[in-house]
Amino acid sequence: MSRTQLIKEVQRFFSLRELVDEPTYNKYGDFAWNFFRTELLETLLYLREYVLKVPMTINTWMTGGRFSERGLRHNMSAEVWKYTKANKQFMSAHVLGAGVDFDAKGMTAAEVRSAIQAAAKRLPHPIRLEDGVSWVHLDVYNDGSKEKVQLFKVG
């Protein structure tokens, strides 16, 4: 599938505003699709359509919600800026278009992680899931592990 076709498929379930923060959307508009790794878009599409089969909530800023940095984050976002101010290097999957945080309707984060792990062999790409948190962090980083789904903890 071409990248253009992939984006059209992803748009059946996610608007671009759900996937990026407000300043990025306001500055770049539809061009912001270019900031996402293809592996992430393919994985989100697959999870939504074939594994979870329920709405997934990433950002909600566009409807007055509190979530604004769960998808792509720009370099001046609060979550990134705190590291910059502290003179610390920060290479988040969110900044590099390789990760998102989300909730799935009617499911706990643990249930989502379990469903994804159960479908591991069918996933289009290896992924990582943050373990032990009340939301789902998913990224498409791969450290060469043969495991299709890796659990990790921050810190």
N, C-alpha and C. Protein backbone atom coordinates (compact mmCIF):
# COMPACT_ATOMS: atom_id res chain seq x y z
N MET A 1 0.85 -1.17 0.00
CA MET A 1 0.00 0.00 0.00
C MET A 1 0.90 1.24 0.00
N SER A 2 0.57 2.22 -0.80
CA SER A 2 1.36 3.45 -0.84
C SER A 2 1.14 4.25 0.44
N ARG A 3 2.02 5.17 0.71
CA ARG A 3 1.89 6.01 1.90
C ARG A 3 0.59 6.83 1.83
N THR A 4 0.25 7.33 0.66
CA THR A 4 -0.99 8.10 0.49
C THR A 4 -2.20 7.23 0.83
N GLN A 5 -2.21 5.99 0.35
CA GLN A 5 -3.30 5.07 0.66
C GLN A 5 -3.34 4.76 2.15
N LEU A 6 -2.16 4.57 2.75
CA LEU A 6 -2.09 4.29 4.18
C LEU A 6 -2.70 5.43 4.98
N ILE A 7 -2.37 6.65 4.65
CA ILE A 7 -2.91 7.80 5.38
C ILE A 7 -4.43 7.84 5.24
N LYS A 8 -4.94 7.57 4.06
CA LYS A 8 -6.39 7.54 3.87
C LYS A 8 -7.04 6.46 4.74
N GLU A 9 -6.40 5.32 4.84
CA GLU A 9 -6.92 4.24 5.69
C GLU A 9 -6.88 4.65 7.17
N VAL A 10 -5.78 5.23 7.59
CA VAL A 10 -5.66 5.68 8.98
C VAL A 10 -6.73 6.73 9.30
N GLN A 11 -7.03 7.59 8.34
CA GLN A 11 -8.03 8.65 8.54
C GLN A 11 -9.44 8.10 8.74
N ARG A 12 -9.67 6.85 8.44
CA ARG A 12 -10.98 6.25 8.74
C ARG A 12 -11.20 6.18 10.25
N PHE A 13 -10.11 6.13 11.01
CA PHE A 13 -10.21 5.95 12.46
C PHE A 13 -9.62 7.11 13.27
N PHE A 14 -8.67 7.83 12.70
CA PHE A 14 -7.97 8.90 13.43
C PHE A 14 -7.89 10.16 12.58
N SER A 15 -8.22 11.29 13.18
CA SER A 15 -7.97 12.55 12.49
C SER A 15 -6.53 12.96 12.78
N LEU A 16 -5.96 13.76 11.93
CA LEU A 16 -4.59 14.24 12.16
C LEU A 16 -4.51 15.00 13.48
N ARG A 17 -5.55 15.75 13.81
CA ARG A 17 -5.54 16.52 15.06
C ARG A 17 -5.47 15.61 16.28
N GLU A 18 -5.94 14.38 16.18
CA GLU A 18 -5.80 13.43 17.28
C GLU A 18 -4.36 12.98 17.46
N LEU A 19 -3.61 13.01 16.37
CA LEU A 19 -2.26 12.45 16.37
C LEU A 19 -1.16 13.46 16.65
N VAL A 20 -1.46 14.75 16.53
CA VAL A 20 -0.45 15.79 16.75
C VAL A 20 -0.94 16.78 17.80
N ASP A 21 -0.02 17.55 18.34
CA ASP A 21 -0.40 18.61 19.27
C ASP A 21 -0.91 19.82 18.49
N GLU A 22 -1.56 20.73 19.18
CA GLU A 22 -2.19 21.87 18.52
C GLU A 22 -1.20 22.78 17.80
N PRO A 23 -0.06 23.15 18.42
CA PRO A 23 0.88 24.01 17.68
C PRO A 23 1.39 23.37 16.39
N THR A 24 1.63 22.08 16.41
CA THR A 24 2.09 21.40 15.19
C THR A 24 1.00 21.43 14.13
N TYR A 25 -0.22 21.14 14.53
CA TYR A 25 -1.32 21.17 13.57
C TYR A 25 -1.50 22.57 12.98
N ASN A 26 -1.45 23.58 13.85
CA ASN A 26 -1.65 24.95 13.38
C ASN A 26 -0.54 25.41 12.44
N LYS A 27 0.67 24.96 12.67
CA LYS A 27 1.80 25.39 11.83
C LYS A 27 1.89 24.59 10.53
N TYR A 28 1.69 23.29 10.61
CA TYR A 28 1.97 22.43 9.45
C TYR A 28 0.73 21.87 8.76
N GLY A 29 -0.42 21.85 9.43
CA GLY A 29 -1.62 21.29 8.83
C GLY A 29 -1.39 19.87 8.33
N ASP A 30 -1.93 19.55 7.17
CA ASP A 30 -1.83 18.18 6.64
C ASP A 30 -0.40 17.72 6.37
N PHE A 31 0.52 18.66 6.22
CA PHE A 31 1.92 18.27 6.01
C PHE A 31 2.45 17.45 7.19
N ALA A 32 1.84 17.62 8.36
CA ALA A 32 2.29 16.91 9.57
C ALA A 32 2.19 15.39 9.43
N TRP A 33 1.39 14.88 8.49
CA TRP A 33 1.39 13.43 8.25
C TRP A 33 2.80 12.94 7.93
N ASN A 34 3.61 13.78 7.33
CA ASN A 34 4.97 13.40 6.95
C ASN A 34 5.88 13.15 8.14
N PHE A 35 5.50 13.60 9.30
CA PHE A 35 6.35 13.45 10.48
C PHE A 35 6.24 12.07 11.13
N PHE A 36 5.27 11.28 10.71
CA PHE A 36 5.06 9.96 11.33
C PHE A 36 5.78 8.86 10.57
N ARG A 37 6.37 7.95 11.33
CA ARG A 37 6.96 6.77 10.71
C ARG A 37 5.85 5.89 10.17
N THR A 38 6.08 5.34 9.01
CA THR A 38 5.11 4.47 8.36
C THR A 38 4.77 3.29 9.27
N GLU A 39 5.76 2.74 9.96
CA GLU A 39 5.53 1.59 10.84
C GLU A 39 4.51 1.92 11.93
N LEU A 40 4.56 3.14 12.45
CA LEU A 40 3.61 3.53 13.49
C LEU A 40 2.20 3.61 12.90
N LEU A 41 2.05 4.25 11.76
CA LEU A 41 0.73 4.38 11.14
C LEU A 41 0.16 3.01 10.80
N GLU A 42 0.97 2.13 10.25
CA GLU A 42 0.50 0.78 9.92
C GLU A 42 0.07 0.02 11.17
N THR A 43 0.84 0.18 12.25
CA THR A 43 0.52 -0.52 13.49
C THR A 43 -0.76 0.03 14.12
N LEU A 44 -0.92 1.35 14.16
CA LEU A 44 -2.14 1.93 14.70
C LEU A 44 -3.36 1.45 13.92
N LEU A 45 -3.26 1.45 12.61
CA LEU A 45 -4.36 1.00 11.77
C LEU A 45 -4.70 -0.46 12.07
N TYR A 46 -3.70 -1.30 12.14
CA TYR A 46 -3.92 -2.72 12.38
C TYR A 46 -4.55 -2.96 13.76
N LEU A 47 -4.02 -2.27 14.77
CA LEU A 47 -4.57 -2.45 16.11
C LEU A 47 -6.03 -2.03 16.18
N ARG A 48 -6.33 -0.87 15.60
CA ARG A 48 -7.70 -0.35 15.65
C ARG A 48 -8.67 -1.25 14.90
N GLU A 49 -8.27 -1.69 13.71
CA GLU A 49 -9.20 -2.42 12.85
C GLU A 49 -9.31 -3.91 13.20
N TYR A 50 -8.20 -4.55 13.57
CA TYR A 50 -8.21 -6.00 13.69
C TYR A 50 -7.97 -6.55 15.09
N VAL A 51 -7.35 -5.78 15.96
CA VAL A 51 -7.03 -6.32 17.29
C VAL A 51 -7.99 -5.77 18.34
N LEU A 52 -8.02 -4.47 18.54
CA LEU A 52 -8.86 -3.89 19.59
C LEU A 52 -10.30 -3.71 19.15
N LYS A 53 -10.49 -3.27 17.93
CA LYS A 53 -11.82 -3.11 17.33
C LYS A 53 -12.72 -2.15 18.11
N VAL A 54 -12.11 -1.23 18.83
CA VAL A 54 -12.85 -0.18 19.56
C VAL A 54 -12.12 1.15 19.34
N PRO A 55 -12.83 2.26 19.53
CA PRO A 55 -12.16 3.56 19.40
C PRO A 55 -10.97 3.69 20.34
N MET A 56 -9.93 4.31 19.83
CA MET A 56 -8.71 4.58 20.59
C MET A 56 -8.59 6.10 20.71
N THR A 57 -8.36 6.58 21.93
CA THR A 57 -8.26 8.02 22.17
C THR A 57 -6.80 8.39 22.38
N ILE A 58 -6.32 9.29 21.53
CA ILE A 58 -4.95 9.79 21.66
C ILE A 58 -5.06 11.21 22.21
N ASN A 59 -5.04 12.23 21.38
CA ASN A 59 -5.21 13.61 21.84
C ASN A 59 -6.67 14.03 21.79
N THR A 60 -7.04 14.93 22.72
CA THR A 60 -8.41 15.44 22.78
C THR A 60 -8.45 16.97 22.82
N TRP A 61 -7.32 17.62 22.60
CA TRP A 61 -7.27 19.09 22.69
C TRP A 61 -8.28 19.75 21.77
N MET A 62 -8.57 19.17 20.63
CA MET A 62 -9.44 19.78 19.62
C MET A 62 -10.90 19.82 20.04
N THR A 63 -11.26 19.04 21.06
CA THR A 63 -12.63 19.06 21.58
C THR A 63 -12.66 19.60 23.00
N GLY A 64 -11.60 20.30 23.39
CA GLY A 64 -11.53 20.88 24.73
C GLY A 64 -11.05 19.92 25.80
N GLY A 65 -10.57 18.75 25.38
CA GLY A 65 -10.08 17.74 26.33
C GLY A 65 -8.70 18.08 26.86
N ARG A 66 -8.25 17.29 27.80
CA ARG A 66 -6.98 17.57 28.49
C ARG A 66 -5.77 16.96 27.83
N PHE A 67 -5.96 16.07 26.87
CA PHE A 67 -4.81 15.41 26.25
C PHE A 67 -4.33 16.19 25.03
N SER A 68 -3.04 16.58 25.08
CA SER A 68 -2.48 17.34 23.96
C SER A 68 -1.10 16.86 23.53
N GLU A 69 -0.48 16.01 24.34
CA GLU A 69 0.89 15.57 24.03
C GLU A 69 1.01 14.06 24.00
N ARG A 70 -0.05 13.38 23.63
CA ARG A 70 -0.02 11.92 23.62
C ARG A 70 0.37 11.34 22.27
N GLY A 71 0.42 12.19 21.26
CA GLY A 71 0.87 11.78 19.93
C GLY A 71 2.20 12.42 19.65
N LEU A 72 2.32 13.02 18.47
CA LEU A 72 3.55 13.72 18.10
C LEU A 72 3.73 14.95 18.99
N ARG A 73 4.94 15.14 19.48
CA ARG A 73 5.26 16.29 20.32
C ARG A 73 6.30 17.15 19.61
N HIS A 74 6.08 18.45 19.62
CA HIS A 74 7.07 19.36 19.04
C HIS A 74 8.16 19.67 20.07
N ASN A 75 9.25 20.26 19.63
CA ASN A 75 10.42 20.45 20.49
C ASN A 75 10.20 21.43 21.63
N MET A 76 9.14 22.24 21.58
CA MET A 76 8.88 23.19 22.66
C MET A 76 7.73 22.76 23.56
N SER A 77 7.20 21.56 23.36
CA SER A 77 6.09 21.08 24.19
C SER A 77 6.57 20.95 25.64
N ALA A 78 5.63 21.04 26.57
CA ALA A 78 5.98 21.02 27.99
C ALA A 78 6.77 19.76 28.36
N GLU A 79 6.34 18.62 27.84
CA GLU A 79 6.99 17.36 28.18
C GLU A 79 8.44 17.31 27.69
N VAL A 80 8.70 17.90 26.55
CA VAL A 80 10.05 17.91 25.98
C VAL A 80 10.87 19.06 26.57
N TRP A 81 10.25 20.21 26.73
CA TRP A 81 10.95 21.41 27.18
C TRP A 81 11.56 21.23 28.57
N LYS A 82 10.92 20.46 29.44
CA LYS A 82 11.48 20.27 30.79
C LYS A 82 12.87 19.63 30.74
N TYR A 83 13.09 18.76 29.76
CA TYR A 83 14.42 18.16 29.60
C TYR A 83 15.41 19.16 29.01
N THR A 84 14.95 19.95 28.07
CA THR A 84 15.82 20.96 27.46
C THR A 84 16.27 21.96 28.51
N LYS A 85 15.34 22.44 29.33
CA LYS A 85 15.68 23.41 30.38
C LYS A 85 16.68 22.82 31.37
N ALA A 86 16.59 21.53 31.61
CA ALA A 86 17.49 20.86 32.54
C ALA A 86 18.79 20.44 31.86
N ASN A 87 18.98 20.83 30.59
CA ASN A 87 20.17 20.50 29.81
C ASN A 87 20.38 18.99 29.71
N LYS A 88 19.24 18.27 29.54
CA LYS A 88 19.28 16.81 29.39
C LYS A 88 18.85 16.43 27.98
N GLN A 89 19.55 15.47 27.42
CA GLN A 89 19.17 14.95 26.11
C GLN A 89 17.88 14.15 26.24
N PHE A 90 17.01 14.27 25.24
CA PHE A 90 15.72 13.59 25.28
C PHE A 90 15.35 13.15 23.87
N MET A 91 15.26 11.86 23.64
CA MET A 91 14.96 11.32 22.31
C MET A 91 13.69 10.47 22.40
N SER A 92 12.58 11.12 22.62
CA SER A 92 11.31 10.43 22.79
C SER A 92 10.77 9.92 21.46
N ALA A 93 10.12 8.77 21.52
CA ALA A 93 9.43 8.26 20.33
C ALA A 93 8.35 9.24 19.88
N HIS A 94 7.78 9.98 20.81
CA HIS A 94 6.75 10.96 20.47
C HIS A 94 7.32 12.08 19.60
N VAL A 95 8.52 12.50 19.88
CA VAL A 95 9.16 13.58 19.12
C VAL A 95 9.57 13.11 17.74
N LEU A 96 9.87 11.84 17.61
CA LEU A 96 10.38 11.29 16.36
C LEU A 96 9.29 10.62 15.51
N GLY A 97 8.03 10.82 15.87
CA GLY A 97 6.94 10.25 15.07
C GLY A 97 6.85 8.74 15.13
N ALA A 98 7.36 8.17 16.22
CA ALA A 98 7.42 6.72 16.34
C ALA A 98 6.60 6.17 17.50
N GLY A 99 5.88 7.04 18.22
CA GLY A 99 5.14 6.55 19.37
C GLY A 99 3.93 7.39 19.72
N VAL A 100 2.98 6.75 20.39
CA VAL A 100 1.78 7.42 20.89
C VAL A 100 1.38 6.82 22.23
N ASP A 101 0.61 7.60 22.97
CA ASP A 101 -0.08 7.11 24.16
C ASP A 101 -1.56 7.11 23.82
N PHE A 102 -2.29 6.13 24.34
CA PHE A 102 -3.72 6.09 24.04
C PHE A 102 -4.48 5.29 25.09
N ASP A 103 -5.79 5.46 25.05
CA ASP A 103 -6.73 4.64 25.79
C ASP A 103 -7.64 3.98 24.77
N ALA A 104 -8.16 2.81 25.08
CA ALA A 104 -9.10 2.12 24.20
C ALA A 104 -10.44 2.03 24.93
N LYS A 105 -11.50 2.39 24.23
CA LYS A 105 -12.83 2.46 24.83
C LYS A 105 -13.23 1.14 25.47
N GLY A 106 -13.60 1.23 26.76
CA GLY A 106 -14.10 0.06 27.47
C GLY A 106 -13.04 -0.93 27.92
N MET A 107 -11.77 -0.55 27.78
CA MET A 107 -10.68 -1.47 28.15
C MET A 107 -9.70 -0.76 29.07
N THR A 108 -9.18 -1.49 30.04
CA THR A 108 -8.09 -0.95 30.85
C THR A 108 -6.79 -1.04 30.06
N ALA A 109 -5.79 -0.32 30.50
CA ALA A 109 -4.49 -0.39 29.83
C ALA A 109 -3.94 -1.81 29.88
N ALA A 110 -4.11 -2.49 31.00
CA ALA A 110 -3.62 -3.87 31.12
C ALA A 110 -4.34 -4.79 30.13
N GLU A 111 -5.65 -4.58 29.94
CA GLU A 111 -6.40 -5.40 28.98
C GLU A 111 -5.92 -5.13 27.55
N VAL A 112 -5.63 -3.87 27.25
CA VAL A 112 -5.13 -3.53 25.92
C VAL A 112 -3.79 -4.19 25.68
N ARG A 113 -2.88 -4.08 26.66
CA ARG A 113 -1.57 -4.71 26.49
C ARG A 113 -1.71 -6.22 26.30
N SER A 114 -2.60 -6.85 27.05
CA SER A 114 -2.82 -8.30 26.91
C SER A 114 -3.36 -8.64 25.52
N ALA A 115 -4.31 -7.85 25.02
CA ALA A 115 -4.87 -8.11 23.69
C ALA A 115 -3.79 -7.96 22.62
N ILE A 116 -2.96 -6.95 22.77
CA ILE A 116 -1.88 -6.74 21.79
C ILE A 116 -0.87 -7.89 21.86
N GLN A 117 -0.52 -8.30 23.07
CA GLN A 117 0.41 -9.42 23.21
C GLN A 117 -0.15 -10.70 22.60
N ALA A 118 -1.45 -10.91 22.76
CA ALA A 118 -2.08 -12.11 22.21
C ALA A 118 -2.06 -12.10 20.68
N ALA A 119 -2.02 -10.91 20.10
CA ALA A 119 -2.00 -10.78 18.63
C ALA A 119 -0.60 -10.52 18.10
N ALA A 120 0.41 -10.69 18.90
CA ALA A 120 1.77 -10.30 18.55
C ALA A 120 2.23 -10.84 17.20
N LYS A 121 2.00 -12.09 16.93
CA LYS A 121 2.51 -12.69 15.69
C LYS A 121 1.90 -12.06 14.45
N ARG A 122 0.71 -11.47 14.59
CA ARG A 122 0.03 -10.88 13.43
C ARG A 122 0.36 -9.40 13.22
N LEU A 123 1.02 -8.78 14.17
CA LEU A 123 1.31 -7.35 14.06
C LEU A 123 2.22 -7.08 12.86
N PRO A 124 2.03 -5.94 12.20
CA PRO A 124 2.84 -5.65 11.02
C PRO A 124 4.29 -5.32 11.33
N HIS A 125 4.57 -4.88 12.58
CA HIS A 125 5.93 -4.48 12.95
C HIS A 125 6.17 -4.78 14.42
N PRO A 126 7.42 -4.98 14.81
CA PRO A 126 7.73 -5.11 16.23
C PRO A 126 7.39 -3.80 16.95
N ILE A 127 6.90 -3.93 18.17
CA ILE A 127 6.55 -2.75 18.96
C ILE A 127 7.04 -2.90 20.39
N ARG A 128 7.01 -1.79 21.08
CA ARG A 128 7.25 -1.78 22.53
C ARG A 128 6.02 -1.19 23.20
N LEU A 129 5.69 -1.73 24.38
CA LEU A 129 4.61 -1.23 25.21
C LEU A 129 5.17 -0.91 26.58
N GLU A 130 4.85 0.27 27.08
CA GLU A 130 5.27 0.61 28.44
C GLU A 130 4.40 -0.16 29.41
N ASP A 131 5.01 -0.81 30.37
CA ASP A 131 4.31 -1.64 31.34
C ASP A 131 4.13 -0.88 32.65
N GLY A 132 3.06 -1.20 33.37
CA GLY A 132 2.87 -0.66 34.70
C GLY A 132 2.32 0.75 34.74
N VAL A 133 1.73 1.24 33.66
CA VAL A 133 1.12 2.57 33.66
C VAL A 133 -0.36 2.44 33.31
N SER A 134 -1.15 3.47 33.64
CA SER A 134 -2.60 3.40 33.47
C SER A 134 -3.07 3.80 32.09
N TRP A 135 -2.15 4.03 31.18
CA TRP A 135 -2.45 4.32 29.78
C TRP A 135 -1.62 3.37 28.95
N VAL A 136 -1.80 3.39 27.65
CA VAL A 136 -0.99 2.55 26.78
C VAL A 136 0.00 3.43 26.03
N HIS A 137 1.28 3.17 26.24
CA HIS A 137 2.31 3.79 25.40
C HIS A 137 2.77 2.71 24.45
N LEU A 138 2.72 3.05 23.16
CA LEU A 138 3.16 2.14 22.11
C LEU A 138 4.18 2.88 21.26
N ASP A 139 5.28 2.22 20.95
CA ASP A 139 6.21 2.79 19.98
C ASP A 139 6.76 1.69 19.10
N VAL A 140 7.35 2.11 17.99
CA VAL A 140 7.86 1.16 17.01
C VAL A 140 9.39 1.11 17.02
N TYR A 141 9.96 1.41 18.16
CA TYR A 141 11.39 1.21 18.31
C TYR A 141 11.67 -0.29 18.35
N ASN A 142 12.81 -0.69 17.85
CA ASN A 142 13.16 -2.10 17.86
C ASN A 142 14.65 -2.20 18.15
N ASP A 143 14.98 -2.91 19.21
CA ASP A 143 16.39 -3.04 19.60
C ASP A 143 17.02 -4.32 19.04
N GLY A 144 16.35 -4.93 18.08
CA GLY A 144 16.87 -6.16 17.48
C GLY A 144 16.34 -7.41 18.13
N SER A 145 15.48 -7.26 19.13
CA SER A 145 14.89 -8.42 19.79
C SER A 145 14.05 -9.22 18.80
N LYS A 146 14.00 -10.52 19.03
CA LYS A 146 13.16 -11.37 18.18
C LYS A 146 11.70 -11.34 18.61
N GLU A 147 11.45 -10.75 19.78
CA GLU A 147 10.08 -10.63 20.28
C GLU A 147 9.34 -9.56 19.49
N LYS A 148 8.11 -9.84 19.09
CA LYS A 148 7.32 -8.89 18.33
C LYS A 148 6.77 -7.79 19.24
N VAL A 149 6.52 -8.12 20.52
CA VAL A 149 6.04 -7.14 21.50
C VAL A 149 6.97 -7.18 22.70
N GLN A 150 7.57 -6.06 23.00
CA GLN A 150 8.43 -5.95 24.17
C GLN A 150 7.75 -5.05 25.19
N LEU A 151 7.77 -5.45 26.44
CA LEU A 151 7.31 -4.60 27.53
C LEU A 151 8.51 -3.92 28.15
N PHE A 152 8.37 -2.65 28.52
CA PHE A 152 9.46 -1.94 29.18
C PHE A 152 8.90 -1.01 30.24
N LYS A 153 9.75 -0.61 31.14
CA LYS A 153 9.39 0.37 32.18
C LYS A 153 10.37 1.53 32.10
N VAL A 154 9.83 2.73 32.28
CA VAL A 154 10.67 3.93 32.27
C VAL A 154 11.32 4.07 33.66
N GLY A 155 12.58 4.40 33.64
CA GLY A 155 13.26 4.66 34.92
C GLY A 155 14.00 3.57 35.44
